Each structure stands twice: as C-alpha cells, then as structure tokens.
Protein backbone atom coordinates (compact mmCIF):
# COMPACT_ATOMS: atom_id res chain seq x y z
CA MET A 1 98.43 50.79 205.39
CA LYS A 2 98.69 47.38 204.73
CA ASN A 3 98.36 46.01 201.10
CA THR A 4 95.75 44.18 199.64
CA ARG A 5 97.03 40.94 198.61
CA ILE A 6 95.51 38.95 195.67
CA VAL A 7 96.06 35.62 194.09
CA LEU A 8 95.30 35.81 190.50
CA ALA A 9 94.97 32.62 188.08
CA ASP A 10 94.42 32.78 184.52
CA ASP A 11 95.60 30.33 181.94
CA GLN A 12 96.34 32.97 178.88
CA LEU A 13 99.64 34.50 179.95
CA LEU A 14 99.37 37.98 177.98
CA ILE A 15 96.47 38.23 179.78
CA ARG A 16 97.76 37.37 182.91
CA ALA A 17 100.37 39.68 182.70
CA GLY A 18 98.59 42.12 181.47
CA ILE A 19 96.31 42.31 184.48
CA CYS A 20 99.07 41.78 187.13
CA ALA A 21 100.21 45.18 185.75
CA LEU A 22 97.22 46.77 185.98
CA ILE A 23 96.75 45.83 189.92
CA GLU A 24 100.01 46.57 190.50
CA ALA A 25 99.19 50.36 188.67
CA LEU A 26 96.61 50.73 191.43
CA PRO A 27 97.76 52.11 195.09
CA GLY A 28 97.31 49.56 198.24
CA TYR A 29 97.38 46.38 196.10
CA GLU A 30 99.72 43.47 195.00
CA VAL A 31 99.94 40.50 193.28
CA GLU A 32 101.67 37.65 195.13
CA ALA A 33 101.26 35.04 192.69
CA ALA A 34 100.12 34.71 189.14
CA CYS A 35 98.83 31.08 188.43
CA ALA A 36 98.39 29.57 185.00
CA ASP A 37 95.73 26.89 186.33
CA GLY A 38 93.36 25.83 189.13
CA ASN A 39 95.47 23.09 190.69
CA GLU A 40 98.25 25.68 191.19
CA ALA A 41 95.94 28.46 191.93
CA ILE A 42 94.47 26.09 194.69
CA ALA A 43 97.99 25.24 196.11
CA GLN A 44 99.23 29.33 196.32
CA ILE A 45 96.07 30.33 197.84
CA ARG A 46 96.13 28.04 200.49
CA ARG A 47 100.00 28.89 201.11
CA LEU A 48 99.70 32.81 200.80
CA ARG A 49 96.29 33.16 202.10
CA PRO A 50 95.49 36.29 200.10
CA ASP A 51 92.80 38.69 200.94
CA VAL A 52 92.03 38.12 197.39
CA ALA A 53 91.67 35.47 194.91
CA LEU A 54 91.31 36.71 191.46
CA LEU A 55 90.38 33.43 189.18
CA ASP A 56 89.51 33.02 185.11
CA ILE A 57 86.40 30.44 185.00
CA ALA A 58 87.97 28.40 182.05
CA MET A 59 91.28 27.26 183.22
CA PRO A 60 92.84 23.90 182.92
CA GLY A 61 93.02 21.65 185.46
CA LEU A 62 90.41 22.74 187.75
CA SER A 63 87.95 25.42 186.56
CA GLY A 64 87.47 28.77 188.40
CA ILE A 65 84.36 27.13 190.18
CA GLU A 66 85.78 23.90 191.31
CA VAL A 67 88.77 26.32 192.64
CA SER A 68 86.53 28.45 194.64
CA ARG A 69 84.54 25.71 195.77
CA ALA A 70 87.67 23.74 196.87
CA VAL A 71 88.89 27.29 198.55
CA ARG A 72 85.59 27.68 200.72
CA GLN A 73 85.85 23.78 202.01
CA PHE A 74 89.39 25.47 204.14
CA ASP A 75 88.82 29.13 203.82
CA GLN A 76 85.65 31.16 204.57
CA LYS A 77 87.74 34.50 204.92
CA ILE A 78 89.12 34.80 201.65
CA ARG A 79 87.53 36.97 199.04
CA ILE A 80 86.83 35.68 195.90
CA LEU A 81 86.12 37.30 192.65
CA VAL A 82 85.86 35.68 189.29
CA LEU A 83 87.18 37.36 186.32
CA SER A 84 85.88 35.70 182.88
CA SER A 85 84.17 36.57 179.30
CA ILE A 86 81.29 34.13 180.09
CA ASP A 87 78.27 36.14 180.67
CA ARG A 88 75.84 33.33 180.81
CA ALA A 89 73.58 33.64 183.95
CA GLU A 90 73.32 30.15 184.98
CA ILE A 91 77.37 30.09 184.69
CA VAL A 92 77.24 33.50 187.41
CA ASN A 93 74.44 31.57 189.39
CA GLN A 94 77.15 28.67 189.52
CA ALA A 95 79.59 30.83 190.67
CA LEU A 96 77.87 32.23 193.48
CA SER A 97 77.08 29.03 194.79
CA ALA A 98 80.15 28.14 194.72
CA GLY A 99 81.17 31.05 197.24
CA VAL A 100 82.19 33.31 194.74
CA ASP A 101 81.62 36.99 196.20
CA GLY A 102 82.20 38.77 192.91
CA TYR A 103 81.68 38.64 189.28
CA LEU A 104 83.49 40.94 186.36
CA LEU A 105 83.57 40.48 183.18
CA LYS A 106 86.91 40.77 181.15
CA ASP A 107 85.84 43.74 178.81
CA PHE A 108 85.98 45.97 182.35
CA ILE A 109 87.16 49.40 182.21
CA MET A 110 90.58 50.16 184.90
CA SER A 111 87.85 52.03 187.47
CA GLU A 112 85.49 48.77 187.10
CA LEU A 113 88.56 46.67 188.07
CA GLN A 114 89.20 48.68 190.96
CA GLU A 115 85.85 49.04 192.22
CA ALA A 116 84.94 45.20 191.61
CA ILE A 117 87.96 44.32 194.04
CA ASP A 118 87.22 47.29 196.66
CA ALA A 119 84.00 45.70 196.81
CA VAL A 120 85.01 42.28 197.27
CA VAL A 121 87.35 43.45 200.31
CA SER A 122 84.85 45.81 202.14
CA GLY A 123 82.67 42.56 202.65
CA ARG A 124 79.97 43.55 199.37
CA SER A 125 79.34 41.67 196.67
CA PHE A 126 80.05 42.66 193.24
CA LEU A 127 78.32 41.89 189.57
CA SER A 128 79.94 43.87 186.59
CA LYS A 129 77.75 47.03 185.45
CA LYS A 130 77.64 45.17 181.72
CA LEU A 131 76.31 41.59 182.71
CA THR A 132 72.97 42.38 182.97
CA ASP A 133 72.87 43.77 179.58
CA ALA A 134 75.39 41.21 178.05
CA LEU A 135 72.69 38.81 179.45
CA GLN A 136 69.83 40.30 178.08
CA GLN A 137 71.20 40.71 174.83
CA GLN A 138 72.76 37.14 174.97
CA GLU A 139 69.03 35.93 175.34
CA SER A 140 67.81 37.95 172.60
CA ASN A 141 70.11 36.41 170.32
CA ALA A 142 69.62 33.35 171.57
CA ASP A 143 65.64 33.51 170.44
CA GLY A 144 64.70 30.88 167.97
CA ALA A 145 68.14 29.12 167.73
CA ARG A 146 68.22 25.50 167.79
CA PRO A 147 70.77 23.07 168.49
CA VAL A 148 72.93 21.22 166.26
CA ASN A 149 72.66 17.37 165.46
CA LEU A 150 75.92 15.77 167.16
CA THR A 151 76.67 12.07 167.61
CA ALA A 152 76.24 10.84 171.00
CA ARG A 153 79.64 10.74 171.31
CA GLN A 154 80.49 14.25 170.53
CA THR A 155 77.36 14.94 172.93
CA GLU A 156 78.55 13.01 175.60
CA ILE A 157 82.68 14.57 175.23
CA LEU A 158 80.62 18.28 175.28
CA ARG A 159 78.89 18.03 178.37
CA LEU A 160 82.23 16.36 180.04
CA VAL A 161 84.15 19.43 178.55
CA ALA A 162 81.84 22.11 179.91
CA SER A 163 81.58 20.50 183.31
CA GLY A 164 85.01 21.42 183.56
CA LYS A 165 86.67 18.46 183.16
CA THR A 166 90.48 18.04 181.67
CA THR A 167 91.13 15.80 178.50
CA LYS A 168 92.67 13.07 180.83
CA GLU A 169 89.79 13.08 183.36
CA ILE A 170 87.60 13.01 180.14
CA ALA A 171 89.55 10.03 178.81
CA ARG A 172 89.75 8.34 181.78
CA GLU A 173 86.19 8.40 182.49
CA LEU A 174 85.13 7.21 179.15
CA GLY A 175 87.99 4.52 178.58
CA ILE A 176 89.28 6.13 175.62
CA SER A 177 92.99 7.78 174.59
CA PRO A 178 93.36 11.42 175.78
CA LYS A 179 94.25 11.91 171.77
CA THR A 180 90.70 10.62 170.98
CA VAL A 181 89.23 13.29 173.03
CA GLU A 182 91.34 15.58 171.37
CA PHE A 183 90.01 14.50 168.35
CA HIS A 184 86.26 14.88 168.99
CA ARG A 185 87.08 18.14 170.88
CA ALA A 186 88.13 19.35 167.52
CA GLY A 187 85.54 18.17 165.71
CA LEU A 188 83.11 19.60 168.31
CA MET A 189 84.75 22.95 167.69
CA GLU A 190 84.84 22.51 163.58
CA ARG A 191 81.01 21.70 164.05
CA LEU A 192 79.69 24.47 166.03
CA GLY A 193 81.99 26.88 164.11
CA VAL A 194 83.77 28.02 168.00
CA HIS A 195 87.31 28.20 168.58
CA ASP A 196 87.95 27.65 172.35
CA VAL A 197 86.43 25.64 175.60
CA THR A 198 84.46 28.85 176.85
CA ALA A 199 82.63 29.02 173.45
CA LEU A 200 81.52 24.74 173.83
CA THR A 201 80.60 25.72 177.30
CA ARG A 202 78.64 28.55 176.30
CA TYR A 203 76.88 26.06 173.58
CA ALA A 204 76.18 23.30 176.18
CA ILE A 205 74.36 25.48 178.82
CA GLN A 206 72.43 27.22 176.09
CA PHE A 207 71.06 24.07 174.78
CA GLY A 208 70.67 22.95 178.57
CA MET A 209 73.60 19.81 178.10
CA VAL A 210 74.92 21.18 181.54
CA SER A 211 72.89 22.11 185.07
C-alpha cells in the first residue's frame, strides 16, 4: 500500500525532529521534507506535491496561514493540517478560511496525531479534541483583562508582528531599520511579559489589534 507522503514545516528544530520521529513511527506514513520556514515549505510543497502539508502557524517568513493560502492558489487537493500551540478562536477561523483541513494543538497525544492525519487524508476535517475546552478556559481567564498601555510605535509593530510580517517586511513598511524593529519587539515582549511571537500574536488578537 502506498505511504501517505507528508511535508512538515516548523521553525523549531527540536519540535521538527520530534514530530518527524513520531510520524515515521506510524505505519504507512513518510516525511518527504522537513522545513524551517514558510517560504521553504511552499517551495517543497510545490515541488513534491505531498498528500499532507503539516504546518506550524508562527514561522519566519510566511506564517502557516499564509502558506496555506499560497498552496490553495496552486493546489486544491493537498490536505493541510495545522499544528500549533495557538488556541484562539480567531486564529482557528483564519486558518480554516485559508483552506486548512485540520487544526491540531501541539499538546497532542500520539493517537490524536494519527487520528488527525487519517481524518484529513480521508477527506474529513479535524479539530483537536482539547481545542474547545482550551478556548473556553482562555475566554474565562481573559474576563476582566485590560490592555497594557503601549506607545503608538509599539502598537504599530505589534499589529504587524501579529499579522505574520517578518522583521525585514516591517522595517520596509515603516521605513526603519531591522535592528530598530528588533529593539521595539524586545521592548514589547518585556512590557507584556511574554517571550515569543506566538504570545505577542495572542495578545494582539485578544485585544482586537488584528482581525
């Protein structure tokens, strides 16, 4: 029986290697390419035309959602499964609108990974079993939360970061240097008490800074 061919994209090396190992341990699956960013993912998907594209959302270059939109422009048959730690309803809806077939949270168990891939390969949609509970809990935790006061420049950069723009793209759009963008982004993380772009994106969505 023909193996299900997968292209994986995740910018974190350890996670990428771990997921590859998990998939290769499943009978009937093979990872044809493991990519570190969105641009590489599109190139490999276009070249290999796999059965499944397994995409992280927050990646350098293009986000998983942007990759999904791009793939759908040249191929409607490839099944797309998002693998992400982001459990915001807005992000899930954006992913589905971009043509994603499934959305699996990164705290999956082995059987759920196989279930998710099997579902999308067979033409069905998939949402992580923990997603609904996570969303409800997050909304409950967010009740009464108030946004932190940011400067106009910080707010501008936060919106662009949360929209999936790279450092170079933000620098070009705002007419500033990449180092200045990095300086403001580091300041944002310190101000908001977060440590990565995913958390910045969550904050921006929570307070309506991006659609």
